[in-house]
Amino acid sequence: MLQQTATKALNQLGYTVVDGHHTSIAEGKSIAKSYDVVFTSLNFVNMFDDVAASGTPVIGVKNVMSVPEVKKLIEESTILEKFPVK
């Protein structure tokens, strides 16, 4: 669900999502540094502290089905600065 929600939010902000992956937390932790952005449930954000420390934005979402919430979190993050919409 969160992958679809994040894709919709990014599209509404003018981004084209080229590739997205939905994984288990264990797999996500091991591969997250290779991605531009990590979206996860708010409960699991601390599991990605090392990823965030490396500069990859980690977005914790309370309601994984809420496009408005994800859009707001994207706008409050560093994503718009790191990846300006062309």
C-alpha atoms as a PDB file:
ATOM      1  CA  MET A   1       0.000   0.000   0.000  1.00  0.00           C
ATOM      2  CA  LEU A   2       2.695   2.510   0.934  1.00  0.00           C
ATOM      3  CA  GLN A   3       4.464   2.047  -2.394  1.00  0.00           C
ATOM      4  CA  GLN A   4       1.290   2.990  -4.267  1.00  0.00           C
ATOM      5  CA  THR A   5       0.617   5.917  -1.939  1.00  0.00           C
ATOM      6  CA  ALA A   6       4.168   7.245  -2.270  1.00  0.00           C
ATOM      7  CA  THR A   7       4.031   6.897  -6.058  1.00  0.00           C
ATOM      8  CA  LYS A   8       0.749   8.844  -6.209  1.00  0.00           C
ATOM      9  CA  ALA A   9       2.120  11.572  -3.933  1.00  0.00           C
ATOM     10  CA  LEU A  10       5.343  11.903  -5.928  1.00  0.00           C
ATOM     11  CA  ASN A  11       3.409  12.001  -9.209  1.00  0.00           C
ATOM     12  CA  GLN A  12       1.151  14.757  -7.840  1.00  0.00           C
ATOM     13  CA  LEU A  13       4.281  16.732  -6.936  1.00  0.00           C
ATOM     14  CA  GLY A  14       5.542  16.456 -10.517  1.00  0.00           C
ATOM     15  CA  TYR A  15       7.925  13.513 -10.187  1.00  0.00           C
ATOM     16  CA  THR A  16       8.020  10.478 -12.433  1.00  0.00           C
ATOM     17  CA  VAL A  17       8.679   7.335 -10.433  1.00  0.00           C
ATOM     18  CA  VAL A  18      10.938   5.196 -12.584  1.00  0.00           C
ATOM     19  CA  ASP A  19      11.330   2.284 -10.205  1.00  0.00           C
ATOM     20  CA  GLY A  20       9.934   1.407  -6.803  1.00  0.00           C
ATOM     21  CA  HIS A  21      10.291  -1.648  -4.615  1.00  0.00           C
ATOM     22  CA  HIS A  22       8.202  -3.053  -1.802  1.00  0.00           C
ATOM     23  CA  THR A  23      10.287  -5.235   0.507  1.00  0.00           C
ATOM     24  CA  SER A  24      10.293  -6.721   3.963  1.00  0.00           C
ATOM     25  CA  ILE A  25      11.943  -4.604   6.656  1.00  0.00           C
ATOM     26  CA  ALA A  26      14.897  -7.003   6.858  1.00  0.00           C
ATOM     27  CA  GLU A  27      15.551  -6.828   3.123  1.00  0.00           C
ATOM     28  CA  GLY A  28      14.875  -3.096   3.034  1.00  0.00           C
ATOM     29  CA  LYS A  29      17.489  -2.433   5.716  1.00  0.00           C
ATOM     30  CA  SER A  30      20.150  -4.241   3.708  1.00  0.00           C
ATOM     31  CA  ILE A  31      19.461  -2.507   0.377  1.00  0.00           C
ATOM     32  CA  ALA A  32      18.099   0.902   1.417  1.00  0.00           C
ATOM     33  CA  LYS A  33      21.371   2.788   0.890  1.00  0.00           C
ATOM     34  CA  SER A  34      21.171   2.048  -2.829  1.00  0.00           C
ATOM     35  CA  TYR A  35      17.874   3.938  -3.188  1.00  0.00           C
ATOM     36  CA  ASP A  36      17.162   7.666  -3.473  1.00  0.00           C
ATOM     37  CA  VAL A  37      14.389   7.686  -0.846  1.00  0.00           C
ATOM     38  CA  VAL A  38      13.002   5.244   1.721  1.00  0.00           C
ATOM     39  CA  PHE A  39       9.338   5.332   2.725  1.00  0.00           C
ATOM     40  CA  THR A  40       8.377   3.221   5.728  1.00  0.00           C
ATOM     41  CA  SER A  41       5.799   2.998   8.465  1.00  0.00           C
ATOM     42  CA  LEU A  42       6.479   5.437  11.284  1.00  0.00           C
ATOM     43  CA  ASN A  43       7.062   2.471  13.619  1.00  0.00           C
ATOM     44  CA  PHE A  44      10.119   1.350  11.628  1.00  0.00           C
ATOM     45  CA  VAL A  45      11.929   4.652  10.985  1.00  0.00           C
ATOM     46  CA  ASN A  46      14.544   4.016  13.675  1.00  0.00           C
ATOM     47  CA  MET A  47      15.554   0.811  11.902  1.00  0.00           C
ATOM     48  CA  PHE A  48      16.852   3.003   9.060  1.00  0.00           C
ATOM     49  CA  ASP A  49      18.932   5.415  11.177  1.00  0.00           C
ATOM     50  CA  ASP A  50      22.161   4.370   9.446  1.00  0.00           C
ATOM     51  CA  VAL A  51      20.544   4.954   6.056  1.00  0.00           C
ATOM     52  CA  ALA A  52      19.386   8.435   7.090  1.00  0.00           C
ATOM     53  CA  ALA A  53      22.861   9.185   8.466  1.00  0.00           C
ATOM     54  CA  SER A  54      24.318   8.373   5.046  1.00  0.00           C
ATOM     55  CA  GLY A  55      22.142  11.084   3.466  1.00  0.00           C
ATOM     56  CA  THR A  56      19.256   9.041   2.085  1.00  0.00           C
ATOM     57  CA  PRO A  57      15.919  10.591   3.072  1.00  0.00           C
ATOM     58  CA  VAL A  58      13.854   8.227   5.244  1.00  0.00           C
ATOM     59  CA  ILE A  59      10.186   9.175   5.413  1.00  0.00           C
ATOM     60  CA  GLY A  60       8.115   7.722   8.252  1.00  0.00           C
ATOM     61  CA  VAL A  61       4.407   7.579   7.478  1.00  0.00           C
ATOM     62  CA  LYS A  62       1.637   7.212  10.070  1.00  0.00           C
ATOM     63  CA  ASN A  63      -1.217   6.435   7.653  1.00  0.00           C
ATOM     64  CA  VAL A  64       0.248   4.440   4.754  1.00  0.00           C
ATOM     65  CA  MET A  65      -2.878   5.038   2.653  1.00  0.00           C
ATOM     66  CA  SER A  66      -2.900   8.840   2.984  1.00  0.00           C
ATOM     67  CA  VAL A  67      -1.601  10.594  -0.126  1.00  0.00           C
ATOM     68  CA  PRO A  68      -1.987  14.046   1.505  1.00  0.00           C
ATOM     69  CA  GLU A  69       0.128  12.933   4.488  1.00  0.00           C
ATOM     70  CA  VAL A  70       2.875  11.552   2.246  1.00  0.00           C
ATOM     71  CA  LYS A  71       2.857  14.716   0.097  1.00  0.00           C
ATOM     72  CA  LYS A  72       3.230  16.861   3.218  1.00  0.00           C
ATOM     73  CA  LEU A  73       6.088  14.696   4.502  1.00  0.00           C
ATOM     74  CA  ILE A  74       7.857  14.902   1.133  1.00  0.00           C
ATOM     75  CA  GLU A  75       7.497  18.688   1.129  1.00  0.00           C
ATOM     76  CA  GLU A  76       8.937  18.846   4.667  1.00  0.00           C
ATOM     77  CA  SER A  77      11.880  16.576   3.809  1.00  0.00           C
ATOM     78  CA  THR A  78      15.058  17.201   1.806  1.00  0.00           C
ATOM     79  CA  ILE A  79      13.692  15.381  -1.250  1.00  0.00           C
ATOM     80  CA  LEU A  80      12.626  18.544  -3.087  1.00  0.00           C
ATOM     81  CA  GLU A  81      16.095  20.052  -2.577  1.00  0.00           C
ATOM     82  CA  LYS A  82      18.016  16.905  -3.496  1.00  0.00           C
ATOM     83  CA  PHE A  83      15.838  16.066  -6.490  1.00  0.00           C
ATOM     84  CA  PRO A  84      14.265  19.227  -7.935  1.00  0.00           C
ATOM     85  CA  VAL A  85      11.356  18.664 -10.314  1.00  0.00           C
ATOM     86  CA  LYS A  86      12.382  19.460 -13.880  1.00  0.00           C
END
